[in-house]
Amino acid sequence: MTALPPQTVPLLRNAMTVDVEDYFHVAALSKVIGREDWEHMQYRAEDSTRKLLELFARFGVSATFFILGWVAKRSPALIRRIHDAGHEIACHGMSHKLVYEQTPETFAAETRDSKALLEDIIGARVRGYRAASWSITARSIWALDIICDAGFDYDSSIFPIRHDIYGIPGAPRAPGRMTTPSGKQLVEFPPTTISMLGMTLPVAGGGYFRLLPYWFTRMALRQVNRVDRRPFIFYLHPWEVDPEQPRIEAGWRSRFRHYTNLSKTYGRLERLLGEFPCATVHTVLSDLGLARA
């Protein structure tokens, strides 16, 4: 695989995204931390999110923040600060419960309520949605119609890989318009993957950004920009730049996924921001002609 010479490659803006949730919200720790425990956990999302805001400001980057409703209720001033800094506010649901563990009725109520909450806080329309832990899968594809009906322009929930919690193998890897089960139209911006050795490999950020060496992530994202000639979408969580967070006793797989290389995330993100132009999801979709006015 040969990359194009830099002078022949158009400058692409890539989508930088943050899923605003705290360390105790994540699916990897849900077996040992119940929702009834959340109110009593040490709350660190505000400080770690401010750390990201300061980093983005230093690089002049506007990002899309997918806000968990639970966090928005607790920290409305933080959500207004993100919005006032020029970032895009998007929706990450209300309770971080996996979509396929909800009934359509419950999911619809949570989706409407979380969108309305965010719009009330910032006084502006919320265009984008991302499911907890990418949990729109083949058995919860019905959720796309609910997302459309709630008034979202785009979704970023379908990971085109095979995984034990999420993913739809074979789903489109590039952003584009898709048809929902009932025939509605919705723009989908899937987490970024590359095709290598006959496999689809995730390189969109999060745990993959921490577990894989930075040189591999940089190589993969350059391939997306220069060879595939399309923008990537990158994601991370505020708790991933918080290596001092409390350590929770959980199974070895959960600890491996959650805690590995937390101390390296901030420095790697600095490098990435210095090497790739980044913007909000709405901006990148506008570049592609996929955004509504």
Protein backbone atom coordinates (compact mmCIF):
# COMPACT_ATOMS: atom_id res chain seq x y z
CA MET A 1 0.00 0.00 0.00
CA THR A 2 1.58 3.27 -1.15
CA ALA A 3 0.47 6.63 0.18
CA LEU A 4 0.04 9.50 -2.24
CA PRO A 5 2.75 12.19 -2.21
CA PRO A 6 1.73 14.90 0.26
CA GLN A 7 1.49 17.59 -2.41
CA THR A 8 -1.23 15.65 -4.26
CA VAL A 9 -3.37 15.07 -1.16
CA PRO A 10 -6.18 17.56 -0.48
CA LEU A 11 -6.27 18.94 3.06
CA LEU A 12 -9.03 17.10 4.88
CA ARG A 13 -10.61 18.19 8.11
CA ASN A 14 -11.36 15.29 10.45
CA ALA A 15 -14.02 15.04 13.13
CA MET A 16 -12.77 15.28 16.71
CA THR A 17 -15.30 14.00 19.24
CA VAL A 18 -15.54 13.55 23.01
CA ASP A 19 -18.04 11.29 24.77
CA VAL A 20 -18.60 13.20 28.00
CA GLU A 21 -19.11 10.63 30.73
CA ASP A 22 -17.21 9.74 33.89
CA TYR A 23 -15.14 6.67 34.68
CA PHE A 24 -17.98 5.01 36.62
CA HIS A 25 -20.40 5.23 33.67
CA VAL A 26 -18.52 2.89 31.35
CA ALA A 27 -19.84 -0.50 30.26
CA ALA A 28 -16.54 -2.18 31.18
CA LEU A 29 -17.17 -1.48 34.87
CA SER A 30 -20.96 -1.87 34.91
CA LYS A 31 -20.83 -5.32 36.51
CA VAL A 32 -19.26 -3.88 39.66
CA ILE A 33 -20.71 -0.33 39.67
CA GLY A 34 -24.50 -0.10 39.56
CA ARG A 35 -26.44 2.99 38.55
CA GLU A 36 -27.54 3.30 42.16
CA ASP A 37 -23.86 3.86 43.04
CA TRP A 38 -23.24 6.74 40.64
CA GLU A 39 -24.34 9.52 42.98
CA HIS A 40 -21.86 8.32 45.59
CA MET A 41 -18.80 7.98 43.34
CA GLN A 42 -16.04 10.57 43.20
CA TYR A 43 -17.12 12.88 40.37
CA ARG A 44 -14.23 13.85 38.08
CA ALA A 45 -15.85 14.58 34.71
CA GLU A 46 -15.76 18.37 35.10
CA ASP A 47 -12.02 18.63 35.72
CA SER A 48 -11.05 16.15 33.01
CA THR A 49 -13.37 17.80 30.47
CA ARG A 50 -11.87 21.22 31.25
CA LYS A 51 -8.45 19.69 30.63
CA LEU A 52 -9.59 18.74 27.12
CA LEU A 53 -11.12 22.16 26.53
CA GLU A 54 -7.82 23.81 27.37
CA LEU A 55 -5.94 21.47 25.04
CA PHE A 56 -8.34 22.08 22.15
CA ALA A 57 -8.09 25.84 22.71
CA ARG A 58 -4.31 25.66 22.50
CA PHE A 59 -4.56 23.99 19.09
CA GLY A 60 -7.48 26.09 17.87
CA VAL A 61 -9.67 22.99 17.45
CA SER A 62 -13.45 22.91 17.68
CA ALA A 63 -14.79 19.46 18.59
CA THR A 64 -18.12 17.72 18.98
CA PHE A 65 -18.98 16.77 22.57
CA PHE A 66 -21.51 13.94 22.88
CA ILE A 67 -22.95 14.71 26.30
CA LEU A 68 -24.42 12.07 28.60
CA GLY A 69 -27.68 13.39 30.04
CA TRP A 70 -26.68 12.33 33.55
CA VAL A 71 -23.65 14.62 33.30
CA ALA A 72 -25.69 17.46 31.79
CA LYS A 73 -28.10 17.37 34.73
CA ARG A 74 -25.24 17.50 37.22
CA SER A 75 -23.06 20.02 35.37
CA PRO A 76 -25.14 22.37 33.21
CA ALA A 77 -22.56 25.15 33.58
CA LEU A 78 -19.93 22.84 32.06
CA ILE A 79 -22.18 22.17 29.05
CA ARG A 80 -22.70 25.90 28.54
CA ARG A 81 -18.95 26.45 28.77
CA ILE A 82 -18.33 23.84 26.07
CA HIS A 83 -20.95 25.46 23.83
CA ASP A 84 -19.73 29.01 24.50
CA ALA A 85 -16.18 27.95 23.53
CA GLY A 86 -17.45 27.20 20.01
CA HIS A 87 -17.73 23.43 20.24
CA GLU A 88 -20.68 21.40 18.99
CA ILE A 89 -22.99 19.89 21.57
CA ALA A 90 -24.41 16.47 20.64
CA CYS A 91 -26.35 13.79 22.50
CA HIS A 92 -25.06 10.63 24.18
CA GLY A 93 -28.37 9.54 25.67
CA MET A 94 -29.47 9.88 29.26
CA SER A 95 -28.43 6.84 31.28
CA HIS A 96 -25.62 5.15 29.30
CA LYS A 97 -27.68 1.98 29.18
CA LEU A 98 -26.98 -0.15 26.13
CA VAL A 99 -29.62 0.39 23.47
CA TYR A 100 -30.36 -3.31 23.01
CA GLU A 101 -31.04 -3.62 26.74
CA GLN A 102 -33.87 -1.06 26.47
CA THR A 103 -37.33 -1.35 25.03
CA PRO A 104 -38.08 0.90 22.06
CA GLU A 105 -40.42 2.90 24.28
CA THR A 106 -37.78 3.48 26.95
CA PHE A 107 -35.13 4.33 24.39
CA ALA A 108 -37.46 6.82 22.68
CA ALA A 109 -38.24 8.56 25.97
CA GLU A 110 -34.55 8.74 26.98
CA THR A 111 -33.55 10.03 23.56
CA ARG A 112 -36.18 12.76 23.48
CA ASP A 113 -35.51 13.77 27.08
CA SER A 114 -31.74 13.97 26.73
CA LYS A 115 -31.99 16.01 23.53
CA ALA A 116 -34.47 18.42 25.11
CA LEU A 117 -32.29 18.76 28.22
CA LEU A 118 -29.23 19.74 26.19
CA GLU A 119 -31.17 22.15 24.00
CA ASP A 120 -32.62 23.84 27.08
CA ILE A 121 -29.15 24.24 28.58
CA ILE A 122 -27.47 25.74 25.51
CA GLY A 123 -30.44 27.41 23.83
CA ALA A 124 -29.58 25.85 20.47
CA ARG A 125 -30.50 22.85 18.37
CA VAL A 126 -28.69 19.53 18.93
CA ARG A 127 -28.03 17.75 15.63
CA GLY A 128 -26.08 14.59 16.46
CA TYR A 129 -26.53 11.39 18.44
CA ARG A 130 -24.17 8.64 19.59
CA ALA A 131 -25.36 5.54 21.46
CA ALA A 132 -23.76 4.33 24.67
CA SER A 133 -20.91 1.94 23.82
CA TRP A 134 -21.84 1.96 20.10
CA SER A 135 -24.81 -0.24 21.03
CA ILE A 136 -26.85 0.15 17.86
CA THR A 137 -26.32 -3.35 16.53
CA ALA A 138 -28.27 -5.71 14.30
CA ARG A 139 -30.66 -6.42 17.17
CA SER A 140 -31.25 -2.74 17.94
CA ILE A 141 -31.27 -1.30 14.42
CA TRP A 142 -34.84 -0.17 15.15
CA ALA A 143 -33.27 2.66 17.16
CA LEU A 144 -32.35 4.53 13.97
CA ASP A 145 -36.01 5.34 13.30
CA ILE A 146 -36.37 6.71 16.82
CA ILE A 147 -33.27 8.86 16.34
CA CYS A 148 -34.78 10.25 13.13
CA ASP A 149 -38.13 10.89 14.78
CA ALA A 150 -36.42 12.74 17.64
CA GLY A 151 -35.09 15.28 15.12
CA PHE A 152 -31.42 14.38 14.82
CA ASP A 153 -29.60 15.03 11.54
CA TYR A 154 -26.85 12.46 12.02
CA ASP A 155 -25.87 9.42 14.04
CA SER A 156 -22.44 8.07 14.98
CA SER A 157 -23.23 4.75 16.64
CA ILE A 158 -22.61 1.91 14.19
CA PHE A 159 -19.13 0.42 14.50
CA PRO A 160 -18.46 -1.71 11.38
CA ILE A 161 -16.51 -4.38 13.26
CA ARG A 162 -17.10 -7.56 15.27
CA HIS A 163 -16.92 -7.04 19.03
CA ASP A 164 -18.39 -8.72 22.11
CA ILE A 165 -20.46 -5.65 23.07
CA TYR A 166 -21.09 -3.74 19.85
CA GLY A 167 -20.63 -3.65 16.10
CA ILE A 168 -22.28 -4.53 12.79
CA PRO A 169 -19.66 -6.34 10.70
CA GLY A 170 -19.89 -5.34 7.06
CA ALA A 171 -21.65 -2.03 7.74
CA PRO A 172 -20.41 0.93 5.65
CA ARG A 173 -17.05 2.26 6.77
CA ALA A 174 -17.40 5.76 5.30
CA PRO A 175 -19.79 8.53 6.30
CA GLY A 176 -22.91 8.71 4.17
CA ARG A 177 -26.69 8.69 4.02
CA MET A 178 -28.44 5.53 5.09
CA THR A 179 -32.01 4.28 5.03
CA THR A 180 -33.57 3.30 8.35
CA PRO A 181 -35.76 0.18 8.73
CA SER A 182 -38.92 2.21 8.05
CA GLY A 183 -37.45 4.02 5.05
CA LYS A 184 -36.33 7.30 6.64
CA GLN A 185 -33.04 8.98 5.74
CA LEU A 186 -30.26 9.55 8.28
CA VAL A 187 -26.60 10.46 7.91
CA GLU A 188 -24.29 7.93 9.60
CA PHE A 189 -20.68 8.78 10.51
CA PRO A 190 -19.26 5.45 11.69
CA PRO A 191 -16.18 5.17 13.91
CA THR A 192 -13.13 5.00 11.69
CA THR A 193 -11.65 1.70 10.57
CA ILE A 194 -9.07 0.61 8.03
CA SER A 195 -8.97 -2.45 5.80
CA MET A 196 -5.76 -4.42 6.26
CA LEU A 197 -4.86 -8.03 5.49
CA GLY A 198 -8.49 -8.83 4.74
CA MET A 199 -9.65 -7.51 8.11
CA THR A 200 -11.47 -4.39 9.24
CA LEU A 201 -9.45 -2.84 12.06
CA PRO A 202 -10.73 -0.12 14.44
CA VAL A 203 -8.55 3.00 14.64
CA ALA A 204 -11.11 5.59 15.78
CA GLY A 205 -9.67 6.37 19.22
CA GLY A 206 -10.74 5.45 22.74
CA GLY A 207 -9.30 2.18 23.97
CA TYR A 208 -7.77 1.48 20.56
CA PHE A 209 -5.84 4.76 20.82
CA ARG A 210 -4.48 3.72 24.20
CA LEU A 211 -3.79 0.06 23.43
CA LEU A 212 -2.20 0.45 20.00
CA PRO A 213 1.16 2.25 19.59
CA TYR A 214 0.85 5.82 18.37
CA TRP A 215 2.82 5.14 15.20
CA PHE A 216 0.16 2.63 14.14
CA THR A 217 -2.69 5.05 14.79
CA ARG A 218 -0.91 7.80 12.84
CA MET A 219 -0.19 5.43 9.94
CA ALA A 220 -3.80 4.24 9.87
CA LEU A 221 -5.31 7.72 10.00
CA ARG A 222 -2.97 8.92 7.27
CA GLN A 223 -4.15 6.00 5.16
CA VAL A 224 -7.75 7.10 5.66
CA ASN A 225 -6.93 10.68 4.60
CA ARG A 226 -4.41 10.03 1.84
CA VAL A 227 -5.32 6.65 0.35
CA ASP A 228 -9.04 6.41 1.07
CA ARG A 229 -9.30 10.20 0.60
CA ARG A 230 -11.90 10.68 3.28
CA PRO A 231 -11.99 12.22 6.75
CA PHE A 232 -11.76 10.13 9.87
CA ILE A 233 -13.76 10.53 13.06
CA PHE A 234 -11.83 10.29 16.32
CA TYR A 235 -13.27 9.84 19.80
CA LEU A 236 -12.14 9.71 23.40
CA HIS A 237 -13.57 10.20 26.89
CA PRO A 238 -12.58 12.75 29.54
CA TRP A 239 -11.66 9.93 31.93
CA GLU A 240 -9.01 8.81 29.43
CA VAL A 241 -6.93 11.90 30.24
CA ASP A 242 -7.40 11.32 33.98
CA PRO A 243 -4.78 8.78 35.06
CA GLU A 244 -5.37 9.64 38.74
CA GLN A 245 -8.96 8.35 38.72
CA PRO A 246 -9.90 5.76 41.37
CA ARG A 247 -9.05 2.16 40.51
CA ILE A 248 -12.08 -0.12 40.62
CA GLU A 249 -11.77 -3.83 41.36
CA ALA A 250 -13.18 -5.60 38.31
CA GLY A 251 -12.38 -8.53 36.03
CA TRP A 252 -9.03 -8.61 34.26
CA ARG A 253 -10.54 -7.84 30.84
CA SER A 254 -12.40 -4.82 32.18
CA ARG A 255 -9.31 -3.52 33.95
CA PHE A 256 -7.22 -4.06 30.81
CA ARG A 257 -9.68 -2.19 28.60
CA HIS A 258 -10.18 0.68 31.01
CA TYR A 259 -6.83 1.39 32.63
CA THR A 260 -4.15 0.48 30.09
CA ASN A 261 -1.99 3.47 29.09
CA LEU A 262 -4.18 6.14 30.70
CA SER A 263 -1.01 8.08 31.45
CA LYS A 264 -0.16 8.22 27.72
CA THR A 265 -3.46 9.46 26.31
CA TYR A 266 -2.96 13.20 26.79
CA GLY A 267 0.48 13.23 25.19
CA ARG A 268 -0.69 11.12 22.26
CA LEU A 269 -3.67 13.42 21.76
CA GLU A 270 -1.32 16.42 21.67
CA ARG A 271 0.64 14.74 18.88
CA LEU A 272 -2.49 13.88 16.94
CA LEU A 273 -3.84 17.44 17.14
CA GLY A 274 -0.51 18.72 15.86
CA GLU A 275 -0.51 16.36 12.88
CA PHE A 276 -4.14 16.25 11.67
CA PRO A 277 -6.58 19.12 11.03
CA CYS A 278 -9.70 18.54 13.14
CA ALA A 279 -13.13 20.13 13.45
CA THR A 280 -16.67 19.35 14.58
CA VAL A 281 -18.75 16.56 13.09
CA HIS A 282 -21.16 19.11 11.60
CA THR A 283 -18.27 20.94 9.93
CA VAL A 284 -16.85 17.76 8.42
CA LEU A 285 -20.27 16.62 7.21
CA SER A 286 -20.67 20.06 5.63
CA ASP A 287 -17.34 19.56 3.85
CA LEU A 288 -18.75 16.31 2.47
CA GLY A 289 -22.07 17.83 1.44
CA LEU A 290 -23.93 15.67 3.97
CA ALA A 291 -25.01 18.28 6.52
CA ARG A 292 -28.36 19.99 6.70
CA ALA A 293 -28.34 23.77 6.82
